[in-house]
């Protein structure tokens, strides 16, 4: 075989080896490029997260709602302080005399960035009931309302006023501070609070109910339009934990107007405030 033929065969054998080496090099370069792109993407994502986190920290946090609202419900015992008489000598039963209050209240922080002092205000319907004992009932003569003996034994003698009042309380007490990325708010849930305030409103109706038995049959009498004050006002306070508290109120206005002897409602019970 000639030298030319031998050289040609050697070139023919070497050429595929060179092609293989070139392909292997290209694959390696491609792999490194892909890894480089992936690393760059990861760094970019981490950088964006860091920037967002810094922006969130540097952003001024806003305080939550300054005013909240909720249902108010109270129930308890009611009686009257009579001028010149001791409460123990009251002609009204302690167990059967009571009050009920149902309304809606708003609560507003006094200070913009603090919850140390709040103002509570709203409206309520209030029912005050006196259960009269010793077979007595209210009788009105020429505008004077007095207690007199009923000629027949009564099984029930009750006097009730229906009122619409507008209470206002200053509320003190600790609160829990809740911080989030973009806002701050305060919560009085499961916290002690004290409220001191007053109320004023209107007497919508006054009514007395009598029940008795006459000649073997049950009788019922209703009397309306007693000489009650059209306006009512008083002082109230509560001590609460969370949504439940002890509640007391005293009417500075008298039950009946222009009387020789004044009578003022006084009440104590439980107050439920779902604010």
C-alpha atoms as a PDB file:
ATOM      1  CA  UNK A   1       0.000   0.000   0.000  1.00  0.00           C
ATOM      2  CA  UNK A   2       1.381   3.384  -0.897  1.00  0.00           C
ATOM      3  CA  UNK A   3       2.167   6.139   1.629  1.00  0.00           C
ATOM      4  CA  UNK A   4      -0.676   8.305   0.221  1.00  0.00           C
ATOM      5  CA  UNK A   5      -3.214   5.630   0.946  1.00  0.00           C
ATOM      6  CA  UNK A   6      -1.916   5.191   4.446  1.00  0.00           C
ATOM      7  CA  UNK A   7      -2.173   8.913   5.249  1.00  0.00           C
ATOM      8  CA  UNK A   8      -5.712   9.050   3.902  1.00  0.00           C
ATOM      9  CA  UNK A   9      -6.815   6.198   6.147  1.00  0.00           C
ATOM     10  CA  UNK A  10      -5.279   7.869   9.219  1.00  0.00           C
ATOM     11  CA  UNK A  11      -7.137  11.134   8.524  1.00  0.00           C
ATOM     12  CA  UNK A  12     -10.355   9.249   8.031  1.00  0.00           C
ATOM     13  CA  UNK A  13      -9.996   7.595  11.456  1.00  0.00           C
ATOM     14  CA  UNK A  14      -9.014  10.830  13.354  1.00  0.00           C
ATOM     15  CA  UNK A  15     -11.826  13.054  12.060  1.00  0.00           C
ATOM     16  CA  UNK A  16     -14.735  11.439  14.036  1.00  0.00           C
ATOM     17  CA  UNK A  17     -12.636  11.675  17.253  1.00  0.00           C
ATOM     18  CA  UNK A  18     -12.245  15.413  16.790  1.00  0.00           C
ATOM     19  CA  UNK A  19     -15.954  15.861  16.232  1.00  0.00           C
ATOM     20  CA  UNK A  20     -16.740  13.943  19.430  1.00  0.00           C
ATOM     21  CA  UNK A  21     -14.348  16.097  21.437  1.00  0.00           C
ATOM     22  CA  UNK A  22     -15.899  19.286  20.072  1.00  0.00           C
ATOM     23  CA  UNK A  23     -19.428  18.096  20.957  1.00  0.00           C
ATOM     24  CA  UNK A  24     -18.363  17.197  24.502  1.00  0.00           C
ATOM     25  CA  UNK A  25     -16.839  20.630  24.998  1.00  0.00           C
ATOM     26  CA  UNK A  26     -19.996  22.371  23.767  1.00  0.00           C
ATOM     27  CA  UNK A  27     -22.191  20.318  26.127  1.00  0.00           C
ATOM     28  CA  UNK A  28     -19.969  21.227  29.074  1.00  0.00           C
ATOM     29  CA  UNK A  29     -20.069  24.923  28.203  1.00  0.00           C
ATOM     30  CA  UNK A  30     -23.876  24.748  27.847  1.00  0.00           C
ATOM     31  CA  UNK A  31     -24.246  23.133  31.275  1.00  0.00           C
ATOM     32  CA  UNK A  32     -22.138  25.852  32.927  1.00  0.00           C
ATOM     33  CA  UNK A  33     -24.143  28.557  31.196  1.00  0.00           C
ATOM     34  CA  UNK A  34     -27.437  27.041  32.437  1.00  0.00           C
ATOM     35  CA  UNK A  35     -26.092  26.830  35.982  1.00  0.00           C
ATOM     36  CA  UNK A  36     -24.906  30.450  35.774  1.00  0.00           C
ATOM     37  CA  UNK A  37     -28.362  31.617  34.646  1.00  0.00           C
ATOM     38  CA  UNK A  38     -30.066  29.693  37.462  1.00  0.00           C
ATOM     39  CA  UNK A  39     -27.723  31.174  40.066  1.00  0.00           C
ATOM     40  CA  UNK A  40     -28.375  34.673  38.747  1.00  0.00           C
ATOM     41  CA  UNK A  41     -32.142  34.094  38.957  1.00  0.00           C
ATOM     42  CA  UNK A  42     -31.886  32.889  42.562  1.00  0.00           C
ATOM     43  CA  UNK A  43     -29.825  35.944  43.531  1.00  0.00           C
ATOM     44  CA  UNK A  44     -32.311  38.263  41.832  1.00  0.00           C
ATOM     45  CA  UNK A  45     -35.256  36.682  43.679  1.00  0.00           C
ATOM     46  CA  UNK A  46     -33.450  36.949  47.032  1.00  0.00           C
ATOM     47  CA  UNK A  47     -32.587  40.567  46.322  1.00  0.00           C
ATOM     48  CA  UNK A  48     -36.209  41.402  45.524  1.00  0.00           C
ATOM     49  CA  UNK A  49     -37.394  39.719  48.758  1.00  0.00           C
ATOM     50  CA  UNK A  50     -34.834  41.685  50.751  1.00  0.00           C
ATOM     51  CA  UNK A  51     -35.914  44.963  49.177  1.00  0.00           C
ATOM     52  CA  UNK A  52     -39.601  44.219  49.874  1.00  0.00           C
ATOM     53  CA  UNK A  53     -38.796  43.275  53.476  1.00  0.00           C
ATOM     54  CA  UNK A  54     -36.841  46.486  54.018  1.00  0.00           C
ATOM     55  CA  UNK A  55     -39.613  48.557  52.435  1.00  0.00           C
ATOM     56  CA  UNK A  56     -42.218  46.891  54.663  1.00  0.00           C
ATOM     57  CA  UNK A  57     -40.136  47.638  57.770  1.00  0.00           C
ATOM     58  CA  UNK A  58     -39.497  51.222  56.751  1.00  0.00           C
ATOM     59  CA  UNK A  59     -43.143  51.859  55.841  1.00  0.00           C
ATOM     60  CA  UNK A  60     -45.074  53.845  58.464  1.00  0.00           C
ATOM     61  CA  UNK A  61     -47.606  51.630  60.236  1.00  0.00           C
ATOM     62  CA  UNK A  62     -51.151  52.917  60.372  1.00  0.00           C
ATOM     63  CA  UNK A  63     -53.333  52.634  63.465  1.00  0.00           C
ATOM     64  CA  UNK A  64     -56.478  50.536  63.121  1.00  0.00           C
ATOM     65  CA  UNK A  65     -60.037  51.784  63.401  1.00  0.00           C
ATOM     66  CA  UNK A  66     -60.338  54.525  65.980  1.00  0.00           C
ATOM     67  CA  UNK A  67     -64.044  53.837  66.571  1.00  0.00           C
ATOM     68  CA  UNK A  68     -65.761  50.485  67.121  1.00  0.00           C
ATOM     69  CA  UNK A  69     -69.355  49.657  67.992  1.00  0.00           C
ATOM     70  CA  UNK A  70     -71.455  46.862  69.408  1.00  0.00           C
ATOM     71  CA  UNK A  71     -74.543  45.678  71.268  1.00  0.00           C
ATOM     72  CA  UNK A  72     -75.185  46.639  74.907  1.00  0.00           C
ATOM     73  CA  UNK A  73     -77.403  44.557  77.194  1.00  0.00           C
ATOM     74  CA  UNK A  74     -77.866  44.958  80.949  1.00  0.00           C
ATOM     75  CA  UNK A  75     -80.148  43.344  83.497  1.00  0.00           C
ATOM     76  CA  UNK A  76     -80.434  43.462  87.273  1.00  0.00           C
ATOM     77  CA  UNK A  77     -82.211  44.673  90.392  1.00  0.00           C
ATOM     78  CA  UNK A  78     -84.048  47.959  90.699  1.00  0.00           C
ATOM     79  CA  UNK A  79     -85.479  49.911  93.630  1.00  0.00           C
ATOM     80  CA  UNK A  80     -86.096  53.476  94.736  1.00  0.00           C
ATOM     81  CA  UNK A  81     -84.515  55.760  97.277  1.00  0.00           C
ATOM     82  CA  UNK A  82     -87.356  57.603  99.019  1.00  0.00           C
ATOM     83  CA  UNK A  83     -86.714  60.920 100.684  1.00  0.00           C
ATOM     84  CA  UNK A  84     -86.612  60.567 104.462  1.00  0.00           C
ATOM     85  CA  UNK A  85     -86.729  56.740 104.409  1.00  0.00           C
ATOM     86  CA  UNK A  86     -84.146  54.019 104.709  1.00  0.00           C
ATOM     87  CA  UNK A  87     -83.682  51.661 101.750  1.00  0.00           C
ATOM     88  CA  UNK A  88     -84.329  48.717 104.072  1.00  0.00           C
ATOM     89  CA  UNK A  89     -87.835  50.118 104.693  1.00  0.00           C
ATOM     90  CA  UNK A  90     -88.617  50.368 100.980  1.00  0.00           C
ATOM     91  CA  UNK A  91     -92.210  49.528  99.979  1.00  0.00           C
ATOM     92  CA  UNK A  92     -90.816  47.771  96.896  1.00  0.00           C
ATOM     93  CA  UNK A  93     -89.681  44.153  96.774  1.00  0.00           C
ATOM     94  CA  UNK A  94     -85.968  43.686  96.167  1.00  0.00           C
ATOM     95  CA  UNK A  95     -86.338  40.374  94.353  1.00  0.00           C
ATOM     96  CA  UNK A  96     -89.233  41.292  92.071  1.00  0.00           C
ATOM     97  CA  UNK A  97     -88.121  44.821  91.155  1.00  0.00           C
ATOM     98  CA  UNK A  98     -85.701  44.993  88.275  1.00  0.00           C
ATOM     99  CA  UNK A  99     -84.439  46.740  85.171  1.00  0.00           C
ATOM    100  CA  UNK A 100     -83.518  45.798  81.608  1.00  0.00           C
ATOM    101  CA  UNK A 101     -81.439  47.838  79.175  1.00  0.00           C
ATOM    102  CA  UNK A 102     -80.908  47.145  75.481  1.00  0.00           C
ATOM    103  CA  UNK A 103     -79.045  49.414  73.101  1.00  0.00           C
ATOM    104  CA  UNK A 104     -76.097  50.135  70.827  1.00  0.00           C
ATOM    105  CA  UNK A 105     -72.836  51.858  71.766  1.00  0.00           C
ATOM    106  CA  UNK A 106     -69.806  53.272  69.972  1.00  0.00           C
ATOM    107  CA  UNK A 107     -66.304  53.416  71.470  1.00  0.00           C
ATOM    108  CA  UNK A 108     -63.704  55.970  70.306  1.00  0.00           C
ATOM    109  CA  UNK A 109     -60.075  56.438  71.344  1.00  0.00           C
ATOM    110  CA  UNK A 110     -59.580  59.918  72.787  1.00  0.00           C
ATOM    111  CA  UNK A 111     -55.915  60.022  71.712  1.00  0.00           C
ATOM    112  CA  UNK A 112     -54.924  59.188  68.153  1.00  0.00           C
ATOM    113  CA  UNK A 113     -51.960  56.932  68.966  1.00  0.00           C
ATOM    114  CA  UNK A 114     -52.971  55.647  72.402  1.00  0.00           C
ATOM    115  CA  UNK A 115     -55.823  53.607  73.843  1.00  0.00           C
ATOM    116  CA  UNK A 116     -55.438  54.697  77.465  1.00  0.00           C
ATOM    117  CA  UNK A 117     -58.732  56.613  77.447  1.00  0.00           C
ATOM    118  CA  UNK A 118     -61.867  55.835  75.460  1.00  0.00           C
ATOM    119  CA  UNK A 119     -65.284  57.463  75.169  1.00  0.00           C
ATOM    120  CA  UNK A 120     -68.364  55.239  74.923  1.00  0.00           C
ATOM    121  CA  UNK A 121     -71.632  56.715  73.719  1.00  0.00           C
ATOM    122  CA  UNK A 122     -74.853  55.479  72.193  1.00  0.00           C
ATOM    123  CA  UNK A 123     -78.538  54.955  72.854  1.00  0.00           C
ATOM    124  CA  UNK A 124     -80.544  52.456  74.915  1.00  0.00           C
ATOM    125  CA  UNK A 125     -84.092  51.488  75.701  1.00  0.00           C
ATOM    126  CA  UNK A 126     -84.428  51.071  79.448  1.00  0.00           C
ATOM    127  CA  UNK A 127     -87.247  49.493  81.445  1.00  0.00           C
ATOM    128  CA  UNK A 128     -87.395  50.161  85.208  1.00  0.00           C
ATOM    129  CA  UNK A 129     -89.855  48.073  87.217  1.00  0.00           C
ATOM    130  CA  UNK A 130     -90.985  48.370  90.841  1.00  0.00           C
ATOM    131  CA  UNK A 131     -92.765  45.442  92.453  1.00  0.00           C
ATOM    132  CA  UNK A 132     -94.950  46.966  95.171  1.00  0.00           C
ATOM    133  CA  UNK A 133     -95.520  44.984  98.366  1.00  0.00           C
ATOM    134  CA  UNK A 134     -97.946  45.063 101.329  1.00  0.00           C
ATOM    135  CA  UNK A 135    -101.020  45.202  99.056  1.00  0.00           C
ATOM    136  CA  UNK A 136    -100.193  48.795  98.055  1.00  0.00           C
ATOM    137  CA  UNK A 137    -100.661  50.514  94.719  1.00  0.00           C
ATOM    138  CA  UNK A 138    -100.058  53.965  93.234  1.00  0.00           C
ATOM    139  CA  UNK A 139    -103.011  56.316  93.265  1.00  0.00           C
ATOM    140  CA  UNK A 140    -102.866  59.787  91.721  1.00  0.00           C
ATOM    141  CA  UNK A 141    -104.980  62.556  93.216  1.00  0.00           C
ATOM    142  CA  UNK A 142    -104.654  66.094  91.819  1.00  0.00           C
ATOM    143  CA  UNK A 143    -101.173  65.329  90.488  1.00  0.00           C
ATOM    144  CA  UNK A 144     -99.943  63.845  93.757  1.00  0.00           C
ATOM    145  CA  UNK A 145     -98.946  60.183  93.415  1.00  0.00           C
ATOM    146  CA  UNK A 146     -99.158  58.264  96.684  1.00  0.00           C
ATOM    147  CA  UNK A 147     -99.152  54.649  97.805  1.00  0.00           C
ATOM    148  CA  UNK A 148    -102.487  53.442  99.131  1.00  0.00           C
ATOM    149  CA  UNK A 149    -104.000  50.152 100.245  1.00  0.00           C
ATOM    150  CA  UNK A 150    -105.952  48.382  97.550  1.00  0.00           C
ATOM    151  CA  UNK A 151    -109.404  47.304  98.822  1.00  0.00           C
ATOM    152  CA  UNK A 152    -108.899  43.719  97.599  1.00  0.00           C
ATOM    153  CA  UNK A 153    -105.919  41.472  98.165  1.00  0.00           C
ATOM    154  CA  UNK A 154    -103.701  41.746  95.080  1.00  0.00           C
ATOM    155  CA  UNK A 155    -101.558  38.925  93.746  1.00  0.00           C
ATOM    156  CA  UNK A 156     -99.399  41.352  91.785  1.00  0.00           C
ATOM    157  CA  UNK A 157     -98.821  45.097  91.909  1.00  0.00           C
ATOM    158  CA  UNK A 158     -96.157  46.437  89.550  1.00  0.00           C
ATOM    159  CA  UNK A 159     -95.183  49.849  88.225  1.00  0.00           C
ATOM    160  CA  UNK A 160     -92.984  50.221  85.125  1.00  0.00           C
ATOM    161  CA  UNK A 161     -91.485  53.053  83.105  1.00  0.00           C
ATOM    162  CA  UNK A 162     -90.162  52.736  79.544  1.00  0.00           C
ATOM    163  CA  UNK A 163     -87.342  55.121  78.713  1.00  0.00           C
ATOM    164  CA  UNK A 164     -85.082  56.106  75.831  1.00  0.00           C
ATOM    165  CA  UNK A 165     -81.679  57.257  77.099  1.00  0.00           C
ATOM    166  CA  UNK A 166     -78.344  58.375  75.631  1.00  0.00           C
ATOM    167  CA  UNK A 167     -75.468  57.256  77.875  1.00  0.00           C
ATOM    168  CA  UNK A 168     -71.891  58.579  77.716  1.00  0.00           C
ATOM    169  CA  UNK A 169     -69.004  56.953  79.613  1.00  0.00           C
ATOM    170  CA  UNK A 170     -65.288  57.634  79.920  1.00  0.00           C
ATOM    171  CA  UNK A 171     -63.585  54.238  79.920  1.00  0.00           C
ATOM    172  CA  UNK A 172     -60.164  53.527  81.442  1.00  0.00           C
ATOM    173  CA  UNK A 173     -58.079  50.381  81.499  1.00  0.00           C
ATOM    174  CA  UNK A 174     -55.268  48.446  79.822  1.00  0.00           C
ATOM    175  CA  UNK A 175     -55.489  47.101  76.297  1.00  0.00           C
ATOM    176  CA  UNK A 176     -53.500  44.660  74.201  1.00  0.00           C
ATOM    177  CA  UNK A 177     -51.415  46.193  71.413  1.00  0.00           C
ATOM    178  CA  UNK A 178     -51.465  44.156  68.210  1.00  0.00           C
ATOM    179  CA  UNK A 179     -48.830  45.001  65.568  1.00  0.00           C
ATOM    180  CA  UNK A 180     -48.821  43.818  61.970  1.00  0.00           C
ATOM    181  CA  UNK A 181     -46.660  44.758  58.976  1.00  0.00           C
ATOM    182  CA  UNK A 182     -48.876  47.659  57.929  1.00  0.00           C
ATOM    183  CA  UNK A 183     -51.045  48.546  60.930  1.00  0.00           C
ATOM    184  CA  UNK A 184     -51.365  48.723  64.718  1.00  0.00           C
ATOM    185  CA  UNK A 185     -54.590  48.189  66.642  1.00  0.00           C
ATOM    186  CA  UNK A 186     -55.684  47.854  70.263  1.00  0.00           C
ATOM    187  CA  UNK A 187     -57.897  45.185  71.811  1.00  0.00           C
ATOM    188  CA  UNK A 188     -59.654  45.261  75.214  1.00  0.00           C
ATOM    189  CA  UNK A 189     -60.648  41.605  74.965  1.00  0.00           C
ATOM    190  CA  UNK A 190     -59.957  39.838  78.274  1.00  0.00           C
ATOM    191  CA  UNK A 191     -58.867  43.120  79.871  1.00  0.00           C
ATOM    192  CA  UNK A 192     -60.144  44.979  82.941  1.00  0.00           C
ATOM    193  CA  UNK A 193     -61.924  48.265  82.304  1.00  0.00           C
ATOM    194  CA  UNK A 194     -63.701  50.930  84.341  1.00  0.00           C
ATOM    195  CA  UNK A 195     -66.383  53.234  82.979  1.00  0.00           C
ATOM    196  CA  UNK A 196     -67.707  56.406  84.623  1.00  0.00           C
ATOM    197  CA  UNK A 197     -70.400  58.517  83.034  1.00  0.00           C
ATOM    198  CA  UNK A 198     -73.940  59.788  82.836  1.00  0.00           C
ATOM    199  CA  UNK A 199     -77.111  59.426  80.796  1.00  0.00           C
ATOM    200  CA  UNK A 200     -80.106  61.471  79.838  1.00  0.00           C
ATOM    201  CA  UNK A 201     -83.267  60.836  77.899  1.00  0.00           C
ATOM    202  CA  UNK A 202     -87.023  60.653  77.796  1.00  0.00           C
ATOM    203  CA  UNK A 203     -89.731  58.752  79.664  1.00  0.00           C
ATOM    204  CA  UNK A 204     -91.813  57.187  76.899  1.00  0.00           C
ATOM    205  CA  UNK A 205     -94.466  55.501  79.039  1.00  0.00           C
ATOM    206  CA  UNK A 206     -95.461  54.789  82.637  1.00  0.00           C
ATOM    207  CA  UNK A 207     -97.855  51.985  83.537  1.00  0.00           C
ATOM    208  CA  UNK A 208     -99.110  50.107  86.586  1.00  0.00           C
ATOM    209  CA  UNK A 209    -100.474  46.537  86.567  1.00  0.00           C
ATOM    210  CA  UNK A 210    -102.683  45.030  89.235  1.00  0.00           C
ATOM    211  CA  UNK A 211    -103.783  41.407  89.460  1.00  0.00           C
ATOM    212  CA  UNK A 212    -106.257  40.092  91.992  1.00  0.00           C
ATOM    213  CA  UNK A 213    -109.047  37.549  92.476  1.00  0.00           C
ATOM    214  CA  UNK A 214    -112.628  38.729  92.944  1.00  0.00           C
ATOM    215  CA  UNK A 215    -115.597  36.387  93.386  1.00  0.00           C
ATOM    216  CA  UNK A 216    -113.480  33.454  92.246  1.00  0.00           C
ATOM    217  CA  UNK A 217    -112.399  35.047  88.952  1.00  0.00           C
ATOM    218  CA  UNK A 218    -109.005  36.522  88.106  1.00  0.00           C
ATOM    219  CA  UNK A 219    -108.980  40.252  87.387  1.00  0.00           C
ATOM    220  CA  UNK A 220    -106.372  42.472  85.807  1.00  0.00           C
ATOM    221  CA  UNK A 221    -106.151  46.260  85.815  1.00  0.00           C
ATOM    222  CA  UNK A 222    -103.808  48.597  83.929  1.00  0.00           C
ATOM    223  CA  UNK A 223    -103.287  52.272  84.699  1.00  0.00           C
ATOM    224  CA  UNK A 224    -101.312  54.600  82.416  1.00  0.00           C
ATOM    225  CA  UNK A 225    -100.349  58.244  82.309  1.00  0.00           C
ATOM    226  CA  UNK A 226     -99.066  58.866  85.821  1.00  0.00           C
ATOM    227  CA  UNK A 227     -97.522  62.200  86.726  1.00  0.00           C
ATOM    228  CA  UNK A 228     -93.999  61.032  85.866  1.00  0.00           C
ATOM    229  CA  UNK A 229     -91.174  63.270  84.751  1.00  0.00           C
ATOM    230  CA  UNK A 230     -90.938  63.490  80.967  1.00  0.00           C
ATOM    231  CA  UNK A 231     -87.162  63.805  81.145  1.00  0.00           C
ATOM    232  CA  UNK A 232     -84.773  61.527  83.015  1.00  0.00           C
ATOM    233  CA  UNK A 233     -81.055  61.784  83.748  1.00  0.00           C
ATOM    234  CA  UNK A 234     -78.565  60.212  86.086  1.00  0.00           C
ATOM    235  CA  UNK A 235     -75.112  58.799  86.809  1.00  0.00           C
ATOM    236  CA  UNK A 236     -73.806  55.351  85.919  1.00  0.00           C
ATOM    237  CA  UNK A 237     -70.629  53.311  86.214  1.00  0.00           C
ATOM    238  CA  UNK A 238     -69.322  49.816  85.472  1.00  0.00           C
ATOM    239  CA  UNK A 239     -66.346  47.599  86.236  1.00  0.00           C
ATOM    240  CA  UNK A 240     -65.823  44.921  83.605  1.00  0.00           C
ATOM    241  CA  UNK A 241     -63.516  42.163  82.459  1.00  0.00           C
ATOM    242  CA  UNK A 242     -63.753  41.582  78.736  1.00  0.00           C
ATOM    243  CA  UNK A 243     -67.382  41.786  77.628  1.00  0.00           C
ATOM    244  CA  UNK A 244     -69.028  41.308  81.071  1.00  0.00           C
ATOM    245  CA  UNK A 245     -69.160  43.728  83.987  1.00  0.00           C
ATOM    246  CA  UNK A 246     -70.925  44.878  87.143  1.00  0.00           C
ATOM    247  CA  UNK A 247     -73.125  47.880  86.389  1.00  0.00           C
ATOM    248  CA  UNK A 248     -74.764  50.484  88.634  1.00  0.00           C
ATOM    249  CA  UNK A 249     -76.916  53.535  87.855  1.00  0.00           C
ATOM    250  CA  UNK A 250     -78.778  56.172  89.829  1.00  0.00           C
ATOM    251  CA  UNK A 251     -81.475  58.535  88.524  1.00  0.00           C
ATOM    252  CA  UNK A 252     -80.857  62.119  89.590  1.00  0.00           C
ATOM    253  CA  UNK A 253     -84.304  62.919  88.208  1.00  0.00           C
ATOM    254  CA  UNK A 254     -87.249  61.834  90.347  1.00  0.00           C
ATOM    255  CA  UNK A 255     -89.754  59.208  89.234  1.00  0.00           C
ATOM    256  CA  UNK A 256     -92.726  61.540  89.729  1.00  0.00           C
ATOM    257  CA  UNK A 257     -92.628  65.312  89.296  1.00  0.00           C
ATOM    258  CA  UNK A 258     -93.794  67.993  91.725  1.00  0.00           C
ATOM    259  CA  UNK A 259     -94.209  65.607  94.666  1.00  0.00           C
ATOM    260  CA  UNK A 260     -94.036  66.256  98.383  1.00  0.00           C
ATOM    261  CA  UNK A 261     -91.712  63.259  98.758  1.00  0.00           C
ATOM    262  CA  UNK A 262     -89.104  62.529  96.056  1.00  0.00           C
ATOM    263  CA  UNK A 263     -88.303  59.029  94.797  1.00  0.00           C
ATOM    264  CA  UNK A 264     -85.265  58.176  92.683  1.00  0.00           C
ATOM    265  CA  UNK A 265     -84.543  54.908  90.891  1.00  0.00           C
ATOM    266  CA  UNK A 266     -81.366  53.032  91.788  1.00  0.00           C
ATOM    267  CA  UNK A 267     -80.189  49.898  89.977  1.00  0.00           C
ATOM    268  CA  UNK A 268     -77.391  47.351  90.059  1.00  0.00           C
ATOM    269  CA  UNK A 269     -76.809  44.384  87.786  1.00  0.00           C
ATOM    270  CA  UNK A 270     -74.720  42.880  84.995  1.00  0.00           C
ATOM    271  CA  UNK A 271     -73.751  44.615  81.784  1.00  0.00           C
ATOM    272  CA  UNK A 272     -72.795  42.825  78.549  1.00  0.00           C
ATOM    273  CA  UNK A 273     -71.014  44.936  75.947  1.00  0.00           C
ATOM    274  CA  UNK A 274     -70.095  43.266  72.633  1.00  0.00           C
ATOM    275  CA  UNK A 275     -67.786  45.946  71.222  1.00  0.00           C
END
